Protein backbone atom coordinates (compact mmCIF):
# COMPACT_ATOMS: atom_id res chain seq x y z
CA MET A 1 102.84 103.17 88.11
CA ASN A 2 101.52 104.68 90.81
CA THR A 3 103.24 106.87 92.88
CA MET A 4 101.52 106.41 96.21
CA LYS A 5 101.74 102.80 95.69
CA ALA A 6 105.36 102.99 95.38
CA ILE A 7 105.96 104.42 98.04
CA ALA A 8 103.70 102.61 100.38
CA ALA A 9 105.80 99.75 99.34
CA ALA A 10 108.43 101.26 100.40
CA GLY A 11 107.75 101.96 103.67
CA VAL A 12 106.44 98.60 104.29
CA LEU A 13 109.80 97.22 103.16
CA ALA A 14 111.60 99.66 104.98
CA LEU A 15 109.60 98.72 108.28
CA ALA A 16 110.10 95.03 107.62
CA LEU A 17 113.85 95.89 107.54
CA SER A 18 114.20 97.02 110.31
CA SER A 19 112.21 94.57 112.44
CA SER A 20 113.91 91.54 111.01
CA ALA A 21 117.58 89.88 111.62
CA CYS A 22 117.87 88.82 107.76
CA GLY A 23 116.82 91.70 105.88
CA THR A 24 117.59 89.97 102.25
CA ALA A 25 114.90 87.40 103.31
CA THR A 26 112.69 89.70 104.58
CA GLY A 27 113.38 91.92 101.78
CA ALA A 28 112.74 89.31 99.14
CA ALA A 29 109.61 88.55 101.28
CA VAL A 30 108.52 91.95 101.23
CA GLY A 31 109.48 92.79 97.84
CA ALA A 32 107.23 90.10 95.97
CA GLY A 33 104.42 91.41 97.84
CA ALA A 34 104.24 95.14 97.30
CA GLY A 35 105.81 94.39 93.48
CA ALA A 36 102.63 91.90 93.19
CA ALA A 37 100.15 94.56 94.26
CA ILE A 38 101.74 97.42 92.22
CA GLY A 39 101.85 95.06 89.12
CA ALA A 40 98.19 93.81 89.68
CA GLY A 41 97.27 97.53 90.61
CA THR A 42 98.92 99.33 87.48
CA GLY A 43 97.56 96.38 84.98
CA TYR A 44 101.33 95.07 84.49
CA GLY A 45 101.09 92.44 85.94
CA ALA A 46 101.11 90.89 89.54
CA LYS A 47 103.39 87.87 88.86
CA LYS A 48 105.64 90.25 86.47
CA GLY A 49 105.53 92.94 89.72
CA ALA A 50 106.57 89.76 92.04
CA LEU A 51 109.75 88.84 90.56
CA ILE A 52 111.04 92.00 90.04
CA GLY A 53 109.37 93.12 93.79
CA THR A 54 111.57 90.05 94.57
CA GLY A 55 114.71 91.45 93.10
CA VAL A 56 114.85 94.64 94.17
CA GLY A 57 113.15 93.13 97.94
CA ALA A 58 116.53 90.91 98.11
CA ALA A 59 118.81 93.56 97.00
CA ALA A 60 117.57 96.32 99.40
CA GLY A 61 117.96 93.97 102.31
CA ALA A 62 121.16 93.13 101.58
CA ILE A 63 122.69 96.90 101.32
CA TYR A 64 120.46 96.90 104.69
CA ASP A 65 122.54 94.07 106.61
CA ILE A 66 125.54 95.01 105.02
CA THR A 67 125.08 99.11 106.36
CA LYS A 68 123.90 97.63 109.48
């Protein structure tokens, strides 16, 4: 996996979560997009990357909402 793409995706996720009222939904949406981009860029597959990104983003958003 390209480390810079992963860092960029994490930054986008953090920015989106900080500006949204519903971190779970926003995290899932941003995670899906970032996961698809990373998956396509690394040859892993955009579909698989989007699925993984959705789960990770939703989990991160839920944790953000709980701790906020």
